[in-house]
Amino acid sequence: LKPQGGVNFIRTFKKQVEDQAVNLPPNLDELVQNATYVQSPDNLV
């Protein structure tokens, strides 16, 4: 992934107790500032 900070940055990630694919974090508004995307063309959608 080549992040800034290398392996030390990777080590800052902590595995959550709950499955985040199912349970959204309570502070979601603080974590996500931009969730917009451009609609794809009809032939793809």
ModelCIF file with pLDDT and N, C-alpha, C, O atoms, coordinates in Angstrom:
data_MODEL
#
_entry.id   MODEL 
#
_entity.id                         1 
_entity.type                       polymer 
_entity.pdbx_number_of_molecules   1 
#
_entity_poly.entity_id                      1 
_entity_poly.type                           'polypeptide(L)' 
_entity_poly.nstd_linkage                   no 
_entity_poly.nstd_monomer                   no 
_entity_poly.pdbx_seq_one_letter_code       LKPQGGVNFIRTFKKQVEDQAVNLPPNLDELVQNATYVQSPDNLV 
_entity_poly.pdbx_seq_one_letter_code_can   LKPQGGVNFIRTFKKQVEDQAVNLPPNLDELVQNATYVQSPDNLV 
_entity_poly.pdbx_strand_id                 A 
#
loop_
_entity_poly_seq.entity_id 
_entity_poly_seq.num 
_entity_poly_seq.mon_id 
_entity_poly_seq.hetero 
1 1  LEU n 
1 2  LYS n 
1 3  PRO n 
1 4  GLN n 
1 5  GLY n 
1 6  GLY n 
1 7  VAL n 
1 8  ASN n 
1 9  PHE n 
1 10 ILE n 
1 11 ARG n 
1 12 THR n 
1 13 PHE n 
1 14 LYS n 
1 15 LYS n 
1 16 GLN n 
1 17 VAL n 
1 18 GLU n 
1 19 ASP n 
1 20 GLN n 
1 21 ALA n 
1 22 VAL n 
1 23 ASN n 
1 24 LEU n 
1 25 PRO n 
1 26 PRO n 
1 27 ASN n 
1 28 LEU n 
1 29 ASP n 
1 30 GLU n 
1 31 LEU n 
1 32 VAL n 
1 33 GLN n 
1 34 ASN n 
1 35 ALA n 
1 36 THR n 
1 37 TYR n 
1 38 VAL n 
1 39 GLN n 
1 40 SER n 
1 41 PRO n 
1 42 ASP n 
1 43 ASN n 
1 44 LEU n 
1 45 VAL n 
#
_struct_asym.id          A 
_struct_asym.entity_id   1 
#
loop_
_ma_qa_metric.id 
_ma_qa_metric.mode 
_ma_qa_metric.name 
_ma_qa_metric.software_group_id 
_ma_qa_metric.type 
1 global pLDDT . pLDDT 
2 local  pLDDT . pLDDT 
#
_ma_qa_metric_global.metric_id      1 
_ma_qa_metric_global.metric_value   88.24 
_ma_qa_metric_global.model_id       1 
_ma_qa_metric_global.ordinal_id     1 
#
loop_
_ma_qa_metric_local.label_asym_id 
_ma_qa_metric_local.label_comp_id 
_ma_qa_metric_local.label_seq_id 
_ma_qa_metric_local.metric_id 
_ma_qa_metric_local.metric_value 
_ma_qa_metric_local.model_id 
_ma_qa_metric_local.ordinal_id 
A LEU 1  2 96.00 1 1  
A LYS 2  2 97.00 1 2  
A PRO 3  2 96.00 1 3  
A GLN 4  2 96.00 1 4  
A GLY 5  2 96.00 1 5  
A GLY 6  2 96.00 1 6  
A VAL 7  2 96.00 1 7  
A ASN 8  2 97.00 1 8  
A PHE 9  2 97.00 1 9  
A ILE 10 2 96.00 1 10 
A ARG 11 2 96.00 1 11 
A THR 12 2 96.00 1 12 
A PHE 13 2 94.00 1 13 
A LYS 14 2 90.00 1 14 
A LYS 15 2 87.00 1 15 
A GLN 16 2 82.00 1 16 
A VAL 17 2 79.00 1 17 
A GLU 18 2 74.00 1 18 
A ASP 19 2 73.00 1 19 
A GLN 20 2 66.00 1 20 
A ALA 21 2 68.00 1 21 
A VAL 22 2 72.00 1 22 
A ASN 23 2 77.00 1 23 
A LEU 24 2 79.00 1 24 
A PRO 25 2 81.00 1 25 
A PRO 26 2 84.00 1 26 
A ASN 27 2 87.00 1 27 
A LEU 28 2 86.00 1 28 
A ASP 29 2 88.00 1 29 
A GLU 30 2 91.00 1 30 
A LEU 31 2 90.00 1 31 
A VAL 32 2 90.00 1 32 
A GLN 33 2 89.00 1 33 
A ASN 34 2 89.00 1 34 
A ALA 35 2 87.00 1 35 
A THR 36 2 90.00 1 36 
A TYR 37 2 88.00 1 37 
A VAL 38 2 92.00 1 38 
A GLN 39 2 91.00 1 39 
A SER 40 2 93.00 1 40 
A PRO 41 2 93.00 1 41 
A ASP 42 2 90.00 1 42 
A ASN 43 2 90.00 1 43 
A LEU 44 2 93.00 1 44 
A VAL 45 2 93.00 1 45 
#
loop_
_atom_site.group_PDB 
_atom_site.id 
_atom_site.type_symbol 
_atom_site.label_atom_id 
_atom_site.label_alt_id 
_atom_site.label_comp_id 
_atom_site.label_asym_id 
_atom_site.label_entity_id 
_atom_site.label_seq_id 
_atom_site.pdbx_PDB_ins_code 
_atom_site.Cartn_x 
_atom_site.Cartn_y 
_atom_site.Cartn_z 
_atom_site.occupancy 
_atom_site.B_iso_or_equiv 
_atom_site.pdbx_formal_charge 
_atom_site.auth_seq_id 
_atom_site.auth_comp_id 
_atom_site.auth_asym_id 
_atom_site.auth_atom_id 
_atom_site.pdbx_PDB_model_num 
ATOM 1   N N  . LEU A 1 1  ? 0.797   -1.225 0.000   1.00 96.00 ? 1  LEU A N  1 
ATOM 2   C CA . LEU A 1 1  ? 0.000   0.000  0.000   1.00 96.00 ? 1  LEU A CA 1 
ATOM 3   C C  . LEU A 1 1  ? 0.829   1.276  0.000   1.00 96.00 ? 1  LEU A C  1 
ATOM 4   O O  . LEU A 1 1  ? 0.340   2.335  -0.391  1.00 96.00 ? 1  LEU A O  1 
ATOM 5   N N  . LYS A 1 2  ? 2.104   1.179  0.444   1.00 97.00 ? 2  LYS A N  1 
ATOM 6   C CA . LYS A 1 2  ? 3.046   2.293  0.431   1.00 97.00 ? 2  LYS A CA 1 
ATOM 7   C C  . LYS A 1 2  ? 2.478   3.562  1.103   1.00 97.00 ? 2  LYS A C  1 
ATOM 8   O O  . LYS A 1 2  ? 2.483   4.624  0.480   1.00 97.00 ? 2  LYS A O  1 
ATOM 9   N N  . PRO A 1 3  ? 1.989   3.480  2.353   1.00 96.00 ? 3  PRO A N  1 
ATOM 10  C CA . PRO A 1 3  ? 1.453   4.674  3.011   1.00 96.00 ? 3  PRO A CA 1 
ATOM 11  C C  . PRO A 1 3  ? 2.574   5.568  3.542   1.00 96.00 ? 3  PRO A C  1 
ATOM 12  O O  . PRO A 1 3  ? 3.708   5.119  3.710   1.00 96.00 ? 3  PRO A O  1 
ATOM 13  N N  . GLN A 1 4  ? 2.245   6.842  3.807   1.00 96.00 ? 4  GLN A N  1 
ATOM 14  C CA . GLN A 1 4  ? 3.195   7.702  4.511   1.00 96.00 ? 4  GLN A CA 1 
ATOM 15  C C  . GLN A 1 4  ? 3.400   7.128  5.917   1.00 96.00 ? 4  GLN A C  1 
ATOM 16  O O  . GLN A 1 4  ? 2.435   6.809  6.612   1.00 96.00 ? 4  GLN A O  1 
ATOM 17  N N  . GLY A 1 5  ? 4.644   7.003  6.318   1.00 96.00 ? 5  GLY A N  1 
ATOM 18  C CA . GLY A 1 5  ? 4.943   6.421  7.613   1.00 96.00 ? 5  GLY A CA 1 
ATOM 19  C C  . GLY A 1 5  ? 5.211   4.935  7.547   1.00 96.00 ? 5  GLY A C  1 
ATOM 20  O O  . GLY A 1 5  ? 5.623   4.335  8.540   1.00 96.00 ? 5  GLY A O  1 
ATOM 21  N N  . GLY A 1 6  ? 4.980   4.326  6.381   1.00 96.00 ? 6  GLY A N  1 
ATOM 22  C CA . GLY A 1 6  ? 5.339   2.931  6.186   1.00 96.00 ? 6  GLY A CA 1 
ATOM 23  C C  . GLY A 1 6  ? 4.681   1.977  7.172   1.00 96.00 ? 6  GLY A C  1 
ATOM 24  O O  . GLY A 1 6  ? 3.499   2.107  7.490   1.00 96.00 ? 6  GLY A O  1 
ATOM 25  N N  . VAL A 1 7  ? 5.471   1.014  7.652   1.00 96.00 ? 7  VAL A N  1 
ATOM 26  C CA . VAL A 1 7  ? 4.932   -0.027 8.524   1.00 96.00 ? 7  VAL A CA 1 
ATOM 27  C C  . VAL A 1 7  ? 4.442   0.547  9.851   1.00 96.00 ? 7  VAL A C  1 
ATOM 28  O O  . VAL A 1 7  ? 3.535   -0.009 10.470  1.00 96.00 ? 7  VAL A O  1 
ATOM 29  N N  . ASN A 1 8  ? 5.050   1.679  10.301  1.00 97.00 ? 8  ASN A N  1 
ATOM 30  C CA . ASN A 1 8  ? 4.591   2.284  11.554  1.00 97.00 ? 8  ASN A CA 1 
ATOM 31  C C  . ASN A 1 8  ? 3.155   2.798  11.432  1.00 97.00 ? 8  ASN A C  1 
ATOM 32  O O  . ASN A 1 8  ? 2.376   2.733  12.383  1.00 97.00 ? 8  ASN A O  1 
ATOM 33  N N  . PHE A 1 9  ? 2.821   3.311  10.247  1.00 97.00 ? 9  PHE A N  1 
ATOM 34  C CA . PHE A 1 9  ? 1.432   3.751  10.026  1.00 97.00 ? 9  PHE A CA 1 
ATOM 35  C C  . PHE A 1 9  ? 0.479   2.548  9.997   1.00 97.00 ? 9  PHE A C  1 
ATOM 36  O O  . PHE A 1 9  ? -0.620  2.616  10.545  1.00 97.00 ? 9  PHE A O  1 
ATOM 37  N N  . ILE A 1 10 ? 0.890   1.470  9.371   1.00 96.00 ? 10 ILE A N  1 
ATOM 38  C CA . ILE A 1 10 ? 0.068   0.256  9.323   1.00 96.00 ? 10 ILE A CA 1 
ATOM 39  C C  . ILE A 1 10 ? -0.219  -0.241 10.731  1.00 96.00 ? 10 ILE A C  1 
ATOM 40  O O  . ILE A 1 10 ? -1.309  -0.745 11.001  1.00 96.00 ? 10 ILE A O  1 
ATOM 41  N N  . ARG A 1 11 ? 0.754   -0.105 11.634  1.00 96.00 ? 11 ARG A N  1 
ATOM 42  C CA . ARG A 1 11 ? 0.592   -0.583 13.013  1.00 96.00 ? 11 ARG A CA 1 
ATOM 43  C C  . ARG A 1 11 ? -0.398  0.253  13.833  1.00 96.00 ? 11 ARG A C  1 
ATOM 44  O O  . ARG A 1 11 ? -0.801  -0.147 14.925  1.00 96.00 ? 11 ARG A O  1 
ATOM 45  N N  . THR A 1 12 ? -0.790  1.425  13.295  1.00 96.00 ? 12 THR A N  1 
ATOM 46  C CA . THR A 1 12 ? -1.774  2.234  14.018  1.00 96.00 ? 12 THR A CA 1 
ATOM 47  C C  . THR A 1 12 ? -3.191  1.705  13.848  1.00 96.00 ? 12 THR A C  1 
ATOM 48  O O  . THR A 1 12 ? -4.099  2.122  14.567  1.00 96.00 ? 12 THR A O  1 
ATOM 49  N N  . PHE A 1 13 ? -3.389  0.782  12.894  1.00 94.00 ? 13 PHE A N  1 
ATOM 50  C CA . PHE A 1 13 ? -4.716  0.206  12.670  1.00 94.00 ? 13 PHE A CA 1 
ATOM 51  C C  . PHE A 1 13 ? -4.981  -0.856 13.736  1.00 94.00 ? 13 PHE A C  1 
ATOM 52  O O  . PHE A 1 13 ? -4.135  -1.714 13.988  1.00 94.00 ? 13 PHE A O  1 
ATOM 53  N N  . LYS A 1 14 ? -6.151  -0.794 14.355  1.00 90.00 ? 14 LYS A N  1 
ATOM 54  C CA . LYS A 1 14 ? -6.525  -1.757 15.392  1.00 90.00 ? 14 LYS A CA 1 
ATOM 55  C C  . LYS A 1 14 ? -7.796  -2.496 14.964  1.00 90.00 ? 14 LYS A C  1 
ATOM 56  O O  . LYS A 1 14 ? -8.771  -1.886 14.524  1.00 90.00 ? 14 LYS A O  1 
ATOM 57  N N  . LYS A 1 15 ? -7.761  -3.792 15.102  1.00 87.00 ? 15 LYS A N  1 
ATOM 58  C CA . LYS A 1 15 ? -8.920  -4.608 14.732  1.00 87.00 ? 15 LYS A CA 1 
ATOM 59  C C  . LYS A 1 15 ? -10.060 -4.360 15.717  1.00 87.00 ? 15 LYS A C  1 
ATOM 60  O O  . LYS A 1 15 ? -9.877  -4.420 16.933  1.00 87.00 ? 15 LYS A O  1 
ATOM 61  N N  . GLN A 1 16 ? -11.241 -4.081 15.163  1.00 82.00 ? 16 GLN A N  1 
ATOM 62  C CA . GLN A 1 16 ? -12.405 -3.797 15.986  1.00 82.00 ? 16 GLN A CA 1 
ATOM 63  C C  . GLN A 1 16 ? -13.021 -5.083 16.543  1.00 82.00 ? 16 GLN A C  1 
ATOM 64  O O  . GLN A 1 16 ? -12.905 -6.152 15.944  1.00 82.00 ? 16 GLN A O  1 
ATOM 65  N N  . VAL A 1 17 ? -13.659 -4.962 17.670  1.00 79.00 ? 17 VAL A N  1 
ATOM 66  C CA . VAL A 1 17 ? -14.322 -6.120 18.276  1.00 79.00 ? 17 VAL A CA 1 
ATOM 67  C C  . VAL A 1 17 ? -15.524 -6.538 17.436  1.00 79.00 ? 17 VAL A C  1 
ATOM 68  O O  . VAL A 1 17 ? -15.765 -7.729 17.240  1.00 79.00 ? 17 VAL A O  1 
ATOM 69  N N  . GLU A 1 18 ? -16.284 -5.552 16.937  1.00 74.00 ? 18 GLU A N  1 
ATOM 70  C CA . GLU A 1 18 ? -17.458 -5.844 16.124  1.00 74.00 ? 18 GLU A CA 1 
ATOM 71  C C  . GLU A 1 18 ? -17.079 -5.862 14.650  1.00 74.00 ? 18 GLU A C  1 
ATOM 72  O O  . GLU A 1 18 ? -16.102 -5.239 14.236  1.00 74.00 ? 18 GLU A O  1 
ATOM 73  N N  . ASP A 1 19 ? -17.871 -6.589 13.865  1.00 73.00 ? 19 ASP A N  1 
ATOM 74  C CA . ASP A 1 19 ? -17.676 -6.649 12.420  1.00 73.00 ? 19 ASP A CA 1 
ATOM 75  C C  . ASP A 1 19 ? -18.161 -5.339 11.807  1.00 73.00 ? 19 ASP A C  1 
ATOM 76  O O  . ASP A 1 19 ? -19.360 -5.060 11.819  1.00 73.00 ? 19 ASP A O  1 
ATOM 77  N N  . GLN A 1 20 ? -17.235 -4.526 11.267  1.00 66.00 ? 20 GLN A N  1 
ATOM 78  C CA . GLN A 1 20 ? -17.603 -3.217 10.746  1.00 66.00 ? 20 GLN A CA 1 
ATOM 79  C C  . GLN A 1 20 ? -18.363 -3.289 9.429   1.00 66.00 ? 20 GLN A C  1 
ATOM 80  O O  . GLN A 1 20 ? -18.921 -2.289 8.979   1.00 66.00 ? 20 GLN A O  1 
ATOM 81  N N  . ALA A 1 21 ? -18.388 -4.486 8.796   1.00 68.00 ? 21 ALA A N  1 
ATOM 82  C CA . ALA A 1 21 ? -19.201 -4.644 7.588   1.00 68.00 ? 21 ALA A CA 1 
ATOM 83  C C  . ALA A 1 21 ? -20.681 -4.697 7.945   1.00 68.00 ? 21 ALA A C  1 
ATOM 84  O O  . ALA A 1 21 ? -21.542 -4.484 7.091   1.00 68.00 ? 21 ALA A O  1 
ATOM 85  N N  . VAL A 1 22 ? -20.972 -4.984 9.217   1.00 72.00 ? 22 VAL A N  1 
ATOM 86  C CA . VAL A 1 22 ? -22.352 -5.099 9.680   1.00 72.00 ? 22 VAL A CA 1 
ATOM 87  C C  . VAL A 1 22 ? -22.716 -3.960 10.619  1.00 72.00 ? 22 VAL A C  1 
ATOM 88  O O  . VAL A 1 22 ? -23.792 -3.374 10.500  1.00 72.00 ? 22 VAL A O  1 
ATOM 89  N N  . ASN A 1 23 ? -21.820 -3.643 11.556  1.00 77.00 ? 23 ASN A N  1 
ATOM 90  C CA . ASN A 1 23 ? -22.095 -2.640 12.585  1.00 77.00 ? 23 ASN A CA 1 
ATOM 91  C C  . ASN A 1 23 ? -21.330 -1.353 12.291  1.00 77.00 ? 23 ASN A C  1 
ATOM 92  O O  . ASN A 1 23 ? -20.102 -1.323 12.373  1.00 77.00 ? 23 ASN A O  1 
ATOM 93  N N  . LEU A 1 24 ? -22.052 -0.300 11.952  1.00 79.00 ? 24 LEU A N  1 
ATOM 94  C CA . LEU A 1 24 ? -21.412 0.981  11.671  1.00 79.00 ? 24 LEU A CA 1 
ATOM 95  C C  . LEU A 1 24 ? -20.888 1.597  12.960  1.00 79.00 ? 24 LEU A C  1 
ATOM 96  O O  . LEU A 1 24 ? -21.525 1.476  14.007  1.00 79.00 ? 24 LEU A O  1 
ATOM 97  N N  . PRO A 1 25 ? -19.735 2.254  12.899  1.00 81.00 ? 25 PRO A N  1 
ATOM 98  C CA . PRO A 1 25 ? -19.186 2.879  14.112  1.00 81.00 ? 25 PRO A CA 1 
ATOM 99  C C  . PRO A 1 25 ? -20.067 4.034  14.574  1.00 81.00 ? 25 PRO A C  1 
ATOM 100 O O  . PRO A 1 25 ? -20.655 4.724  13.742  1.00 81.00 ? 25 PRO A O  1 
ATOM 101 N N  . PRO A 1 26 ? -20.173 4.260  15.887  1.00 84.00 ? 26 PRO A N  1 
ATOM 102 C CA . PRO A 1 26 ? -21.036 5.346  16.408  1.00 84.00 ? 26 PRO A CA 1 
ATOM 103 C C  . PRO A 1 26 ? -20.549 6.731  16.008  1.00 84.00 ? 26 PRO A C  1 
ATOM 104 O O  . PRO A 1 26 ? -21.342 7.672  15.957  1.00 84.00 ? 26 PRO A O  1 
ATOM 105 N N  . ASN A 1 27 ? -19.255 6.873  15.721  1.00 87.00 ? 27 ASN A N  1 
ATOM 106 C CA . ASN A 1 27 ? -18.709 8.192  15.352  1.00 87.00 ? 27 ASN A CA 1 
ATOM 107 C C  . ASN A 1 27 ? -18.490 8.296  13.838  1.00 87.00 ? 27 ASN A C  1 
ATOM 108 O O  . ASN A 1 27 ? -17.520 8.907  13.389  1.00 87.00 ? 27 ASN A O  1 
ATOM 109 N N  . LEU A 1 28 ? -19.380 7.709  13.071  1.00 86.00 ? 28 LEU A N  1 
ATOM 110 C CA . LEU A 1 28 ? -19.225 7.673  11.610  1.00 86.00 ? 28 LEU A CA 1 
ATOM 111 C C  . LEU A 1 28 ? -19.122 9.076  11.015  1.00 86.00 ? 28 LEU A C  1 
ATOM 112 O O  . LEU A 1 28 ? -18.350 9.299  10.083  1.00 86.00 ? 28 LEU A O  1 
ATOM 113 N N  . ASP A 1 29 ? -19.898 10.020 11.549  1.00 88.00 ? 29 ASP A N  1 
ATOM 114 C CA . ASP A 1 29 ? -19.868 11.390 11.022  1.00 88.00 ? 29 ASP A CA 1 
ATOM 115 C C  . ASP A 1 29 ? -18.487 12.024 11.172  1.00 88.00 ? 29 ASP A C  1 
ATOM 116 O O  . ASP A 1 29 ? -18.094 12.844 10.342  1.00 88.00 ? 29 ASP A O  1 
ATOM 117 N N  . GLU A 1 30 ? -17.748 11.660 12.215  1.00 91.00 ? 30 GLU A N  1 
ATOM 118 C CA . GLU A 1 30 ? -16.416 12.203 12.423  1.00 91.00 ? 30 GLU A CA 1 
ATOM 119 C C  . GLU A 1 30 ? -15.398 11.548 11.489  1.00 91.00 ? 30 GLU A C  1 
ATOM 120 O O  . GLU A 1 30 ? -14.422 12.180 11.085  1.00 91.00 ? 30 GLU A O  1 
ATOM 121 N N  . LEU A 1 31 ? -15.631 10.275 11.149  1.00 90.00 ? 31 LEU A N  1 
ATOM 122 C CA . LEU A 1 31 ? -14.666 9.527  10.336  1.00 90.00 ? 31 LEU A CA 1 
ATOM 123 C C  . LEU A 1 31 ? -14.775 9.849  8.850   1.00 90.00 ? 31 LEU A C  1 
ATOM 124 O O  . LEU A 1 31 ? -13.767 9.883  8.144   1.00 90.00 ? 31 LEU A O  1 
ATOM 125 N N  . VAL A 1 32 ? -15.985 10.084 8.379   1.00 90.00 ? 32 VAL A N  1 
ATOM 126 C CA . VAL A 1 32 ? -16.218 10.275 6.947   1.00 90.00 ? 32 VAL A CA 1 
ATOM 127 C C  . VAL A 1 32 ? -16.634 11.720 6.688   1.00 90.00 ? 32 VAL A C  1 
ATOM 128 O O  . VAL A 1 32 ? -17.647 12.188 7.208   1.00 90.00 ? 32 VAL A O  1 
ATOM 129 N N  . GLN A 1 33 ? -15.833 12.426 5.870   1.00 89.00 ? 33 GLN A N  1 
ATOM 130 C CA . GLN A 1 33 ? -16.153 13.821 5.533   1.00 89.00 ? 33 GLN A CA 1 
ATOM 131 C C  . GLN A 1 33 ? -16.699 13.969 4.116   1.00 89.00 ? 33 GLN A C  1 
ATOM 132 O O  . GLN A 1 33 ? -17.364 14.960 3.812   1.00 89.00 ? 33 GLN A O  1 
ATOM 133 N N  . ASN A 1 34 ? -16.427 13.001 3.252   1.00 89.00 ? 34 ASN A N  1 
ATOM 134 C CA . ASN A 1 34 ? -16.853 13.127 1.849   1.00 89.00 ? 34 ASN A CA 1 
ATOM 135 C C  . ASN A 1 34 ? -17.203 11.748 1.309   1.00 89.00 ? 34 ASN A C  1 
ATOM 136 O O  . ASN A 1 34 ? -16.328 10.910 1.092   1.00 89.00 ? 34 ASN A O  1 
ATOM 137 N N  . ALA A 1 35 ? -18.497 11.525 1.096   1.00 87.00 ? 35 ALA A N  1 
ATOM 138 C CA . ALA A 1 35 ? -18.950 10.228 0.591   1.00 87.00 ? 35 ALA A CA 1 
ATOM 139 C C  . ALA A 1 35 ? -19.682 10.379 -0.734  1.00 87.00 ? 35 ALA A C  1 
ATOM 140 O O  . ALA A 1 35 ? -20.563 9.581  -1.056  1.00 87.00 ? 35 ALA A O  1 
ATOM 141 N N  . THR A 1 36 ? -19.316 11.405 -1.503  1.00 90.00 ? 36 THR A N  1 
ATOM 142 C CA . THR A 1 36 ? -19.974 11.627 -2.796  1.00 90.00 ? 36 THR A CA 1 
ATOM 143 C C  . THR A 1 36 ? -19.269 10.835 -3.887  1.00 90.00 ? 36 THR A C  1 
ATOM 144 O O  . THR A 1 36 ? -18.100 10.471 -3.760  1.00 90.00 ? 36 THR A O  1 
ATOM 145 N N  . TYR A 1 37 ? -20.003 10.579 -4.955  1.00 88.00 ? 37 TYR A N  1 
ATOM 146 C CA . TYR A 1 37 ? -19.414 9.900  -6.116  1.00 88.00 ? 37 TYR A CA 1 
ATOM 147 C C  . TYR A 1 37 ? -20.175 10.326 -7.358  1.00 88.00 ? 37 TYR A C  1 
ATOM 148 O O  . TYR A 1 37 ? -21.307 10.802 -7.271  1.00 88.00 ? 37 TYR A O  1 
ATOM 149 N N  . VAL A 1 38 ? -19.552 10.154 -8.505  1.00 92.00 ? 38 VAL A N  1 
ATOM 150 C CA . VAL A 1 38 ? -20.167 10.531 -9.779  1.00 92.00 ? 38 VAL A CA 1 
ATOM 151 C C  . VAL A 1 38 ? -20.946 9.331  -10.318 1.00 92.00 ? 38 VAL A C  1 
ATOM 152 O O  . VAL A 1 38 ? -20.420 8.219  -10.381 1.00 92.00 ? 38 VAL A O  1 
ATOM 153 N N  . GLN A 1 39 ? -22.200 9.563  -10.706 1.00 91.00 ? 39 GLN A N  1 
ATOM 154 C CA . GLN A 1 39 ? -23.025 8.484  -11.251 1.00 91.00 ? 39 GLN A CA 1 
ATOM 155 C C  . GLN A 1 39 ? -22.421 7.964  -12.550 1.00 91.00 ? 39 GLN A C  1 
ATOM 156 O O  . GLN A 1 39 ? -22.060 8.747  -13.428 1.00 91.00 ? 39 GLN A O  1 
ATOM 157 N N  . SER A 1 40 ? -22.311 6.654  -12.671 1.00 93.00 ? 40 SER A N  1 
ATOM 158 C CA . SER A 1 40 ? -21.762 6.022  -13.879 1.00 93.00 ? 40 SER A CA 1 
ATOM 159 C C  . SER A 1 40 ? -22.775 6.083  -15.019 1.00 93.00 ? 40 SER A C  1 
ATOM 160 O O  . SER A 1 40 ? -23.967 6.265  -14.769 1.00 93.00 ? 40 SER A O  1 
ATOM 161 N N  . PRO A 1 41 ? -22.327 5.934  -16.257 1.00 93.00 ? 41 PRO A N  1 
ATOM 162 C CA . PRO A 1 41 ? -23.256 5.967  -17.399 1.00 93.00 ? 41 PRO A CA 1 
ATOM 163 C C  . PRO A 1 41 ? -24.211 4.778  -17.382 1.00 93.00 ? 41 PRO A C  1 
ATOM 164 O O  . PRO A 1 41 ? -23.922 3.737  -16.792 1.00 93.00 ? 41 PRO A O  1 
ATOM 165 N N  . ASP A 1 42 ? -25.363 4.955  -18.045 1.00 90.00 ? 42 ASP A N  1 
ATOM 166 C CA . ASP A 1 42 ? -26.410 3.941  -18.031 1.00 90.00 ? 42 ASP A CA 1 
ATOM 167 C C  . ASP A 1 42 ? -25.935 2.571  -18.500 1.00 90.00 ? 42 ASP A C  1 
ATOM 168 O O  . ASP A 1 42 ? -26.346 1.546  -17.957 1.00 90.00 ? 42 ASP A O  1 
ATOM 169 N N  . ASN A 1 43 ? -25.064 2.557  -19.515 1.00 90.00 ? 43 ASN A N  1 
ATOM 170 C CA . ASN A 1 43 ? -24.635 1.262  -20.063 1.00 90.00 ? 43 ASN A CA 1 
ATOM 171 C C  . ASN A 1 43 ? -23.818 0.461  -19.052 1.00 90.00 ? 43 ASN A C  1 
ATOM 172 O O  . ASN A 1 43 ? -23.674 -0.753 -19.199 1.00 90.00 ? 43 ASN A O  1 
ATOM 173 N N  . LEU A 1 44 ? -23.281 1.129  -18.026 1.00 93.00 ? 44 LEU A N  1 
ATOM 174 C CA . LEU A 1 44 ? -22.580 0.432  -16.948 1.00 93.00 ? 44 LEU A CA 1 
ATOM 175 C C  . LEU A 1 44 ? -23.515 0.172  -15.766 1.00 93.00 ? 44 LEU A C  1 
ATOM 176 O O  . LEU A 1 44 ? -23.514 -0.919 -15.195 1.00 93.00 ? 44 LEU A O  1 
ATOM 177 N N  . VAL A 1 45 ? -24.314 1.182  -15.404 1.00 93.00 ? 45 VAL A N  1 
ATOM 178 C CA . VAL A 1 45 ? -25.212 1.062  -14.250 1.00 93.00 ? 45 VAL A CA 1 
ATOM 179 C C  . VAL A 1 45 ? -26.195 -0.091 -14.434 1.00 93.00 ? 45 VAL A C  1 
ATOM 180 O O  . VAL A 1 45 ? -27.026 -0.339 -13.560 1.00 93.00 ? 45 VAL A O  1 
#
